[in-house]
Amino acid sequence: MKKRGEITVFLSLMLSVLLFFFQALFQSAENALFRSQMEEALELSEYSVLSEYHRELWKRYELFYLDLSYGGGAEKTEYLEQRAEEFLNLNLKPGKVKALETWDYARATDGRGEAYYEQAVSVMKAKRGASILESFQEYAEYVRQAAEQEENYREADDRESRNLEELSRRREEEEEEGTPNPAEQTERLKGGSILHLILKDPGSVSGKRAELAGVPSDRTLLTGSGARGKNAYGVLNDAWFLAYLLEHFGNAAACLTGEKEGGPWLDYQLEYLIAGRDSDIANLEAVCGRLLAIREGMNYAYLLTDSAKVAECTAMATLLVGATLIPGLVEAVKQMLLLTWAFAESVLDLRLLLNGKRVAFRKDASTWKISLSNALELGDLSGMDDNEDADGLLYRDYLGILLTLTGREKKSMRSLDVIEGAVREASGGQRFYVDQCIDSFRLRTICMKGQEYTAERQFCYEW
């Protein structure tokens, strides 16, 4: 007897449904696998693209940036896309890149240097512990005292000069006798270049000049997607940024003492951040003028509290004036002696600072160096070149005080001026522009594998 195989219409339909289901399942799995391969290929492509960071920027300033000109001077985003596509095709198997685009470039100069500021802050946070903030936050207190005492000194100098002039005129009219002015030599010295007074060897000053036309702080910059907001402007981050500047940029004392050799562009770079002049000499002179004003204020404030030194000035004033019936004349001469003494001590302070020595911020009897007689002559100070204060501040610390008084944007943009100039010279005149440097961008690609697949990813340096 023959056996017959039978299948019902129901089972046939069910089998068709099951086959369709499994086909869809396999297709979905294949799509998911290819998407996963795309994501992995994009990640590998990101590493490869970002590995082409600018080596000189990293070597000198520990900054990770991709130069969109690739050393050519002209921005070439199409070359960036070409490189990304090459790396993507190498890692995407099977599959083929049909289209690729990049956009949303985060440039170093975005936000007038805020984007660069954020990465610089991150550099210092990664290198140093939180304890570093304590020393830099002390600058805020130094700044407050310096500003207050500098203003007091300036007001006293103007007031007492006018007072002594008026009283001397009265004495000539009433007593027909002149009054010596102990500040005459000081006034002549103030009218000349301060550098001749404070430099151990004036001939050792750098004569470098820089062309400031077209530097980042002066030109119209390319704009990007802006700062990330990861290390946004704030008091604590300002301290980290200040630490970054002091560590990565040169200064006059380091060059003059041989601690550091001059580099490309300007040698006195921290001074440029403060003064913004086009030569090392001009920047040093401007900074020394400001430091002299700070030291004059602090030294004058101390002298007013030292009864022995006040008494010495009173005795000297009495001797200089002699017998007189003009009320207040002795007191006026005494005040000019105090102001002159403070100026002379300040000149010596700056001389020591530029020699790499420490100088106390707040003076006392043990840290005061120059005598009243030497102050009035203010001649050769070479015999005092090694007389430093063990617990005092270095020249770099005083620059930190001035940088604290300098606005964020000025510090950021002027330091980008230095970076651009230094990288150009170090690279043999390469056409390099910091606003073509990016540390983040977005990429979208369409790949083919039977059908089109779209993926998007942000490529960025993690800091």
Protein backbone atom coordinates (compact mmCIF):
# COMPACT_ATOMS: atom_id res chain seq x y z
CA MET A 1 0.00 0.00 0.00
CA LYS A 2 1.44 3.40 -1.00
CA LYS A 3 1.90 6.20 1.59
CA ARG A 4 1.24 9.81 0.58
CA GLY A 5 2.85 12.93 2.04
CA GLU A 6 0.45 15.81 2.56
CA ILE A 7 0.80 19.42 3.69
CA THR A 8 -2.11 21.61 4.38
CA VAL A 9 -2.61 25.09 3.04
CA PHE A 10 -2.35 26.36 6.62
CA LEU A 11 1.07 24.83 7.14
CA SER A 12 2.24 26.23 3.81
CA LEU A 13 1.20 29.70 4.82
CA MET A 14 2.79 29.34 8.24
CA LEU A 15 6.05 28.19 6.69
CA SER A 16 6.07 31.19 4.37
CA VAL A 17 5.52 33.52 7.31
CA LEU A 18 8.31 31.86 9.27
CA LEU A 19 10.72 32.07 6.34
CA PHE A 20 9.90 35.76 5.88
CA PHE A 21 10.37 36.34 9.63
CA PHE A 22 13.78 34.66 9.67
CA GLN A 23 14.83 36.53 6.54
CA ALA A 24 13.87 39.82 8.18
CA LEU A 25 15.65 38.78 11.36
CA PHE A 26 18.83 37.90 9.49
CA GLN A 27 18.64 41.15 7.53
CA SER A 28 18.18 43.16 10.72
CA ALA A 29 21.12 41.38 12.31
CA GLU A 30 23.23 42.09 9.23
CA ASN A 31 22.23 45.76 9.32
CA ALA A 32 23.03 45.97 13.02
CA LEU A 33 26.40 44.33 12.43
CA PHE A 34 27.26 46.74 9.66
CA ARG A 35 26.22 49.73 11.76
CA SER A 36 28.43 48.43 14.55
CA GLN A 37 31.27 48.06 12.07
CA MET A 38 30.66 51.64 10.92
CA GLU A 39 30.81 52.96 14.48
CA GLU A 40 34.01 51.04 15.14
CA ALA A 41 35.51 52.24 11.86
CA LEU A 42 34.55 55.82 12.73
CA GLU A 43 36.23 55.52 16.12
CA LEU A 44 39.41 54.16 14.54
CA SER A 45 39.25 56.89 11.92
CA GLU A 46 38.94 59.48 14.69
CA TYR A 47 42.12 58.22 16.34
CA SER A 48 43.96 58.28 13.02
CA VAL A 49 42.80 61.75 11.98
CA LEU A 50 43.54 63.29 15.38
CA SER A 51 46.97 61.64 15.51
CA GLU A 52 48.04 64.17 12.89
CA TYR A 53 48.07 66.95 15.52
CA HIS A 54 50.55 69.80 15.14
CA ARG A 55 53.79 68.52 16.65
CA GLU A 56 55.38 71.92 17.37
CA LEU A 57 52.31 73.07 19.30
CA TRP A 58 52.48 69.98 21.46
CA LYS A 59 56.24 70.17 21.95
CA ARG A 60 56.29 73.82 23.00
CA TYR A 61 52.91 74.38 24.59
CA GLU A 62 51.42 70.92 25.32
CA LEU A 63 48.38 71.76 23.20
CA PHE A 64 46.55 69.28 21.00
CA TYR A 65 45.34 70.97 17.82
CA LEU A 66 44.82 69.82 14.26
CA ASP A 67 46.10 72.37 11.75
CA LEU A 68 43.52 72.56 8.95
CA SER A 69 46.17 73.94 6.59
CA TYR A 70 48.41 70.91 7.21
CA GLY A 71 51.43 73.20 7.01
CA GLY A 72 50.35 74.86 3.79
CA GLY A 73 49.02 78.14 5.15
CA ALA A 74 45.63 77.90 3.42
CA GLU A 75 42.83 76.04 5.20
CA LYS A 76 41.92 72.79 3.42
CA THR A 77 38.84 71.20 4.97
CA GLU A 78 38.51 69.00 1.87
CA TYR A 79 41.88 67.43 2.70
CA LEU A 80 40.65 66.70 6.22
CA GLU A 81 37.62 64.97 4.73
CA GLN A 82 39.85 63.08 2.29
CA ARG A 83 42.02 61.80 5.15
CA ALA A 84 38.97 60.84 7.20
CA GLU A 85 37.52 58.93 4.22
CA GLU A 86 40.81 57.11 3.63
CA PHE A 87 41.01 55.97 7.24
CA LEU A 88 37.32 55.02 7.24
CA ASN A 89 37.66 52.86 4.12
CA LEU A 90 40.68 51.10 5.58
CA ASN A 91 38.65 49.99 8.59
CA LEU A 92 35.25 49.45 6.97
CA LYS A 93 35.01 45.93 5.53
CA PRO A 94 32.84 45.20 3.74
CA GLY A 95 31.39 48.56 2.77
CA LYS A 96 32.13 51.71 0.90
CA VAL A 97 32.00 55.40 1.79
CA LYS A 98 29.59 57.12 -0.58
CA ALA A 99 29.70 60.60 0.98
CA LEU A 100 31.42 62.34 3.90
CA GLU A 101 31.29 65.86 5.30
CA THR A 102 32.76 67.71 8.28
CA TRP A 103 31.58 70.86 10.02
CA ASP A 104 31.27 72.58 13.39
CA TYR A 105 35.01 73.19 13.84
CA ALA A 106 36.05 74.31 17.36
CA ARG A 107 38.90 76.76 16.78
CA ALA A 108 41.58 77.81 19.27
CA THR A 109 40.65 81.47 18.84
CA ASP A 110 36.89 81.04 19.40
CA GLY A 111 35.47 83.37 22.03
CA ARG A 112 38.52 85.65 21.69
CA GLY A 113 40.78 82.89 23.00
CA GLU A 114 38.33 81.29 25.42
CA ALA A 115 38.56 77.92 23.62
CA TYR A 116 42.35 77.90 23.96
CA TYR A 117 42.04 79.11 27.58
CA GLU A 118 39.94 76.04 28.40
CA GLN A 119 42.46 73.58 26.97
CA ALA A 120 45.36 75.37 28.71
CA VAL A 121 43.50 75.11 32.03
CA SER A 122 43.01 71.39 31.40
CA VAL A 123 46.75 70.96 30.74
CA MET A 124 47.62 72.38 34.16
CA LYS A 125 44.89 70.45 35.99
CA ALA A 126 46.29 67.22 34.56
CA LYS A 127 49.86 68.10 35.54
CA ARG A 128 49.48 69.67 38.97
CA GLY A 129 47.51 68.97 42.12
CA ALA A 130 44.97 71.36 43.61
CA SER A 131 47.61 72.67 46.05
CA ILE A 132 49.10 74.81 43.29
CA LEU A 133 46.03 77.01 43.47
CA GLU A 134 46.95 78.25 46.95
CA SER A 135 50.11 80.02 45.82
CA PHE A 136 48.44 81.57 42.79
CA GLN A 137 45.39 82.68 44.73
CA GLU A 138 47.75 84.65 47.00
CA TYR A 139 48.32 86.93 44.02
CA ALA A 140 44.83 88.32 44.50
CA GLU A 141 45.82 89.63 47.95
CA TYR A 142 49.12 90.96 46.59
CA VAL A 143 47.20 92.76 43.85
CA ARG A 144 44.85 94.39 46.34
CA GLN A 145 47.68 95.68 48.54
CA ALA A 146 49.83 96.73 45.60
CA ALA A 147 47.03 98.75 43.98
CA GLU A 148 46.20 100.47 47.26
CA GLN A 149 49.79 101.39 48.20
CA GLU A 150 50.75 102.36 44.64
CA GLU A 151 47.92 104.90 44.63
CA ASN A 152 48.93 106.20 48.06
CA TYR A 153 52.52 106.72 46.91
CA ARG A 154 51.47 108.50 43.72
CA GLU A 155 49.14 110.83 45.59
CA ALA A 156 51.77 111.55 48.25
CA ASP A 157 54.46 112.21 45.64
CA ASP A 158 52.25 114.70 43.77
CA ARG A 159 50.99 116.33 46.95
CA GLU A 160 54.34 116.71 48.67
CA SER A 161 56.09 117.92 45.50
CA ARG A 162 53.54 120.71 45.10
CA ASN A 163 53.70 121.50 48.83
CA LEU A 164 57.51 121.72 48.89
CA GLU A 165 57.51 123.87 45.77
CA GLU A 166 55.03 126.31 47.31
CA LEU A 167 56.83 126.47 50.66
CA SER A 168 60.21 126.95 48.95
CA ARG A 169 58.77 129.82 46.90
CA ARG A 170 57.44 131.45 50.08
CA ARG A 171 60.83 131.14 51.79
CA GLU A 172 62.59 132.77 48.87
CA GLU A 173 60.12 135.65 48.98
CA GLU A 174 60.01 136.11 52.77
CA GLU A 175 63.48 135.02 53.87
CA GLU A 176 65.37 135.43 50.60
CA GLU A 177 66.92 132.01 51.06
CA GLY A 178 66.57 128.88 48.91
CA THR A 179 65.59 125.45 50.15
CA PRO A 180 67.40 122.32 48.91
CA ASN A 181 65.14 119.75 47.23
CA PRO A 182 66.37 116.20 48.05
CA ALA A 183 64.24 114.80 45.23
CA GLU A 184 65.91 116.73 42.40
CA GLN A 185 68.22 113.90 41.40
CA THR A 186 65.39 111.41 41.74
CA GLU A 187 63.22 113.50 39.41
CA ARG A 188 66.00 113.57 36.82
CA LEU A 189 66.40 109.80 37.06
CA LYS A 190 62.66 109.27 36.68
CA GLY A 191 62.75 111.29 33.49
CA GLY A 192 65.17 108.86 31.83
CA SER A 193 65.03 105.16 31.04
CA ILE A 194 64.57 103.05 34.14
CA LEU A 195 66.50 100.19 32.51
CA HIS A 196 69.85 101.97 32.87
CA LEU A 197 69.30 102.06 36.63
CA ILE A 198 68.14 98.52 37.23
CA LEU A 199 70.07 96.40 34.74
CA LYS A 200 73.35 94.88 35.77
CA ASP A 201 74.47 94.84 32.14
CA PRO A 202 72.27 97.05 29.89
CA GLY A 203 74.01 95.63 26.81
CA SER A 204 72.61 92.17 27.52
CA VAL A 205 69.00 93.19 26.84
CA SER A 206 67.37 91.49 23.87
CA GLY A 207 67.01 93.70 20.82
CA LYS A 208 64.31 91.57 19.19
CA ARG A 209 61.31 93.16 17.52
CA ALA A 210 58.09 91.61 16.28
CA GLU A 211 55.72 92.64 13.51
CA LEU A 212 52.38 93.04 15.26
CA ALA A 213 50.33 93.87 12.18
CA GLY A 214 48.15 90.86 11.48
CA VAL A 215 48.77 88.97 14.73
CA PRO A 216 45.70 87.10 16.10
CA SER A 217 44.86 89.87 18.56
CA ASP A 218 44.90 92.39 15.70
CA ARG A 219 43.25 90.61 12.74
CA THR A 220 39.79 89.36 11.83
CA LEU A 221 39.73 85.67 12.75
CA LEU A 222 37.94 82.65 11.37
CA THR A 223 35.06 81.67 13.63
CA GLY A 224 34.07 78.20 14.73
CA SER A 225 31.64 76.44 17.02
CA GLY A 226 32.94 78.17 20.15
CA ALA A 227 34.40 77.04 23.46
CA ARG A 228 33.26 73.73 24.93
CA GLY A 229 32.39 75.15 28.33
CA LYS A 230 34.38 72.42 30.07
CA ASN A 231 36.72 74.85 31.86
CA ALA A 232 34.73 78.06 31.54
CA TYR A 233 35.95 81.44 32.75
CA GLY A 234 36.08 81.66 36.54
CA VAL A 235 38.33 82.65 39.43
CA LEU A 236 39.77 79.16 40.00
CA ASN A 237 40.33 78.52 36.31
CA ASP A 238 42.01 81.93 36.04
CA ALA A 239 44.55 80.67 38.58
CA TRP A 240 45.16 77.53 36.49
CA PHE A 241 45.53 79.64 33.33
CA LEU A 242 47.99 81.95 35.09
CA ALA A 243 50.02 78.90 36.11
CA TYR A 244 50.02 77.76 32.47
CA LEU A 245 51.29 81.11 31.22
CA LEU A 246 54.06 81.33 33.82
CA GLU A 247 55.25 77.82 32.96
CA HIS A 248 55.14 77.97 29.15
CA PHE A 249 56.26 81.51 28.31
CA GLY A 250 59.68 83.09 28.77
CA ASN A 251 60.57 86.23 30.73
CA ALA A 252 63.42 88.72 30.95
CA ALA A 253 64.97 87.52 34.22
CA ALA A 254 65.24 83.94 32.92
CA CYS A 255 67.05 85.19 29.80
CA LEU A 256 69.29 87.74 31.54
CA THR A 257 70.49 85.23 34.16
CA GLY A 258 71.07 82.48 31.59
CA GLU A 259 68.41 80.24 33.14
CA LYS A 260 66.73 80.02 29.76
CA GLU A 261 67.92 80.77 26.26
CA GLY A 262 65.96 83.10 24.05
CA GLY A 263 63.58 81.36 21.71
CA PRO A 264 61.76 82.21 18.50
CA TRP A 265 59.77 85.44 18.17
CA LEU A 266 60.19 87.71 21.25
CA ASP A 267 62.32 86.56 24.20
CA TYR A 268 60.43 88.46 26.90
CA GLN A 269 57.08 86.83 26.26
CA LEU A 270 55.36 87.31 29.62
CA GLU A 271 56.26 90.97 29.40
CA TYR A 272 54.54 91.08 25.99
CA LEU A 273 51.38 89.56 27.51
CA ILE A 274 51.34 92.44 29.99
CA ALA A 275 52.47 95.39 27.84
CA GLY A 276 51.69 94.34 24.25
CA ARG A 277 54.60 96.31 22.71
CA ASP A 278 56.49 95.30 19.55
CA SER A 279 59.99 94.90 21.06
CA ASP A 280 61.58 93.20 24.03
CA ILE A 281 63.07 96.49 25.23
CA ALA A 282 59.75 98.33 25.09
CA ASN A 283 57.93 95.51 26.89
CA LEU A 284 60.61 95.24 29.59
CA GLU A 285 60.64 99.00 30.15
CA ALA A 286 56.83 99.14 30.44
CA VAL A 287 56.72 96.20 32.87
CA CYS A 288 59.58 97.56 34.99
CA GLY A 289 57.80 100.89 35.19
CA ARG A 290 54.73 99.18 36.62
CA LEU A 291 56.77 97.04 38.99
CA LEU A 292 58.66 100.12 40.17
CA ALA A 293 55.34 101.80 40.99
CA ILE A 294 54.26 98.74 43.01
CA ARG A 295 57.52 98.60 44.93
CA GLU A 296 57.47 102.38 45.57
CA GLY A 297 54.03 102.09 47.12
CA MET A 298 54.92 99.10 49.30
CA ASN A 299 58.26 100.59 50.39
CA TYR A 300 56.77 103.99 51.21
CA ALA A 301 54.03 102.30 53.25
CA TYR A 302 56.70 100.51 55.30
CA LEU A 303 58.80 103.65 55.84
CA LEU A 304 55.82 105.45 57.37
CA THR A 305 55.62 102.71 60.02
CA ASP A 306 59.34 102.65 60.87
CA SER A 307 59.85 105.30 63.58
CA ALA A 308 63.65 105.08 63.41
CA LYS A 309 63.73 105.81 59.66
CA VAL A 310 61.13 108.57 60.02
CA ALA A 311 63.28 110.14 62.75
CA GLU A 312 66.35 109.87 60.49
CA CYS A 313 64.50 111.71 57.73
CA THR A 314 63.32 114.36 60.20
CA ALA A 315 66.90 114.98 61.37
CA MET A 316 68.16 115.16 57.78
CA ALA A 317 65.35 117.57 56.82
CA THR A 318 66.16 119.84 59.78
CA LEU A 319 69.79 119.85 58.77
CA LEU A 320 69.00 120.67 55.12
CA VAL A 321 66.50 123.44 55.87
CA GLY A 322 68.28 125.05 58.81
CA ALA A 323 66.58 127.88 60.70
CA THR A 324 63.32 129.04 59.13
CA LEU A 325 60.05 130.68 60.09
CA ILE A 326 58.07 128.99 57.32
CA PRO A 327 55.70 126.55 59.04
CA GLY A 328 55.68 123.01 57.63
CA LEU A 329 58.84 123.37 55.54
CA VAL A 330 60.83 120.82 57.55
CA GLU A 331 57.89 118.41 57.39
CA ALA A 332 57.64 118.86 53.62
CA VAL A 333 61.36 118.12 53.14
CA LYS A 334 61.04 115.11 55.44
CA GLN A 335 58.22 113.70 53.29
CA MET A 336 60.28 114.20 50.14
CA LEU A 337 63.14 112.35 51.80
CA LEU A 338 60.83 109.44 52.60
CA LEU A 339 59.53 109.35 49.03
CA THR A 340 63.06 109.53 47.61
CA TRP A 341 64.20 106.74 49.94
CA ALA A 342 61.29 104.56 48.85
CA PHE A 343 62.18 105.18 45.19
CA ALA A 344 65.84 104.24 45.70
CA GLU A 345 64.92 101.03 47.53
CA SER A 346 62.51 100.19 44.72
CA VAL A 347 65.22 100.62 42.08
CA LEU A 348 67.41 98.21 44.01
CA ASP A 349 64.47 95.79 44.35
CA LEU A 350 64.00 95.67 40.59
CA ARG A 351 67.72 95.24 40.04
CA LEU A 352 67.70 92.21 42.32
CA LEU A 353 64.60 90.77 40.68
CA LEU A 354 66.14 90.93 37.22
CA ASN A 355 69.27 89.28 38.65
CA GLY A 356 67.13 86.30 39.62
CA LYS A 357 66.99 87.20 43.32
CA ARG A 358 64.04 87.21 45.70
CA VAL A 359 62.56 90.42 47.07
CA ALA A 360 60.12 90.61 49.97
CA PHE A 361 56.69 91.89 49.04
CA ARG A 362 56.19 93.52 52.45
CA LYS A 363 59.39 95.05 53.82
CA ASP A 364 60.56 95.21 57.44
CA ALA A 365 63.74 96.34 59.17
CA SER A 366 65.52 93.08 58.33
CA THR A 367 64.72 93.20 54.59
CA TRP A 368 65.35 96.93 54.03
CA LYS A 369 68.64 97.29 52.15
CA ILE A 370 69.61 100.82 51.19
CA SER A 371 70.65 103.63 53.55
CA LEU A 372 69.30 107.18 53.35
CA SER A 373 72.68 108.56 52.29
CA ASN A 374 72.97 105.99 49.48
CA ALA A 375 69.39 106.72 48.48
CA LEU A 376 70.17 110.41 47.99
CA GLU A 377 73.19 109.61 45.84
CA LEU A 378 71.76 106.51 44.11
CA GLY A 379 75.04 105.73 42.43
CA ASP A 380 76.64 102.37 41.87
CA LEU A 381 74.43 99.55 43.22
CA SER A 382 76.62 96.67 42.02
CA GLY A 383 77.78 95.87 45.54
CA MET A 384 74.23 94.92 46.51
CA ASP A 385 73.48 92.51 43.64
CA ASP A 386 73.42 89.42 45.87
CA ASN A 387 71.48 90.85 48.79
CA GLU A 388 68.19 88.93 48.46
CA ASP A 389 65.32 88.03 50.82
CA ALA A 390 65.12 84.29 51.40
CA ASP A 391 61.34 84.24 51.70
CA GLY A 392 60.66 86.88 49.08
CA LEU A 393 59.08 86.69 45.64
CA LEU A 394 60.91 86.12 42.37
CA TYR A 395 60.58 88.29 39.26
CA ARG A 396 58.23 85.67 37.80
CA ASP A 397 55.97 86.03 40.83
CA TYR A 398 55.80 89.78 40.37
CA LEU A 399 54.89 89.17 36.72
CA GLY A 400 52.12 86.94 38.03
CA ILE A 401 50.78 89.92 39.99
CA LEU A 402 50.77 92.07 36.85
CA LEU A 403 49.16 89.27 34.82
CA THR A 404 46.43 89.04 37.44
CA LEU A 405 45.74 92.71 36.73
CA THR A 406 45.65 92.04 32.97
CA GLY A 407 42.27 91.18 31.44
CA ARG A 408 41.46 87.60 30.43
CA GLU A 409 41.00 88.43 26.76
CA LYS A 410 44.28 90.32 26.55
CA LYS A 411 46.17 87.46 28.19
CA SER A 412 44.51 84.86 25.96
CA MET A 413 44.88 86.69 22.66
CA ARG A 414 48.39 88.00 23.30
CA SER A 415 49.56 84.53 24.30
CA LEU A 416 48.09 83.27 21.01
CA ASP A 417 50.13 86.00 19.29
CA VAL A 418 53.24 84.53 20.90
CA ILE A 419 52.27 80.95 20.04
CA GLU A 420 51.63 81.78 16.39
CA GLY A 421 54.85 83.77 16.04
CA ALA A 422 56.99 81.19 17.84
CA VAL A 423 55.62 78.23 15.86
CA ARG A 424 56.16 80.07 12.58
CA GLU A 425 59.79 80.86 13.37
CA ALA A 426 60.50 77.45 14.88
CA SER A 427 59.11 75.82 11.73
CA GLY A 428 61.35 77.82 9.43
CA GLY A 429 58.85 80.50 8.47
CA GLN A 430 55.93 78.15 7.95
CA ARG A 431 52.62 79.87 7.20
CA PHE A 432 50.83 78.97 10.40
CA TYR A 433 47.62 80.54 11.74
CA VAL A 434 46.16 79.70 15.14
CA ASP A 435 42.58 80.32 13.99
CA GLN A 436 43.03 77.37 11.59
CA CYS A 437 43.79 75.10 14.54
CA ILE A 438 40.89 72.95 15.73
CA ASP A 439 40.47 70.46 18.55
CA SER A 440 36.94 69.29 17.74
CA PHE A 441 34.61 68.88 14.75
CA ARG A 442 31.59 66.85 13.64
CA LEU A 443 31.64 64.29 10.84
CA ARG A 444 28.74 62.72 8.94
CA THR A 445 29.14 59.87 6.46
CA ILE A 446 26.95 57.77 4.16
CA CYS A 447 28.19 54.25 3.48
CA MET A 448 26.93 51.65 1.02
CA LYS A 449 26.33 47.96 1.62
CA GLY A 450 23.37 47.05 -0.46
CA GLN A 451 21.70 50.18 0.83
CA GLU A 452 22.72 53.51 2.32
CA TYR A 453 23.73 53.78 5.98
CA THR A 454 24.24 57.16 7.68
CA ALA A 455 26.37 57.78 10.76
CA GLU A 456 27.45 60.92 12.60
CA ARG A 457 30.17 61.41 15.20
CA GLN A 458 32.06 64.17 16.99
CA PHE A 459 35.82 63.94 16.57
CA CYS A 460 37.63 65.68 19.44
CA TYR A 461 40.68 65.61 21.68
CA GLU A 462 39.69 64.58 25.18
CA TRP A 463 41.04 66.91 27.84
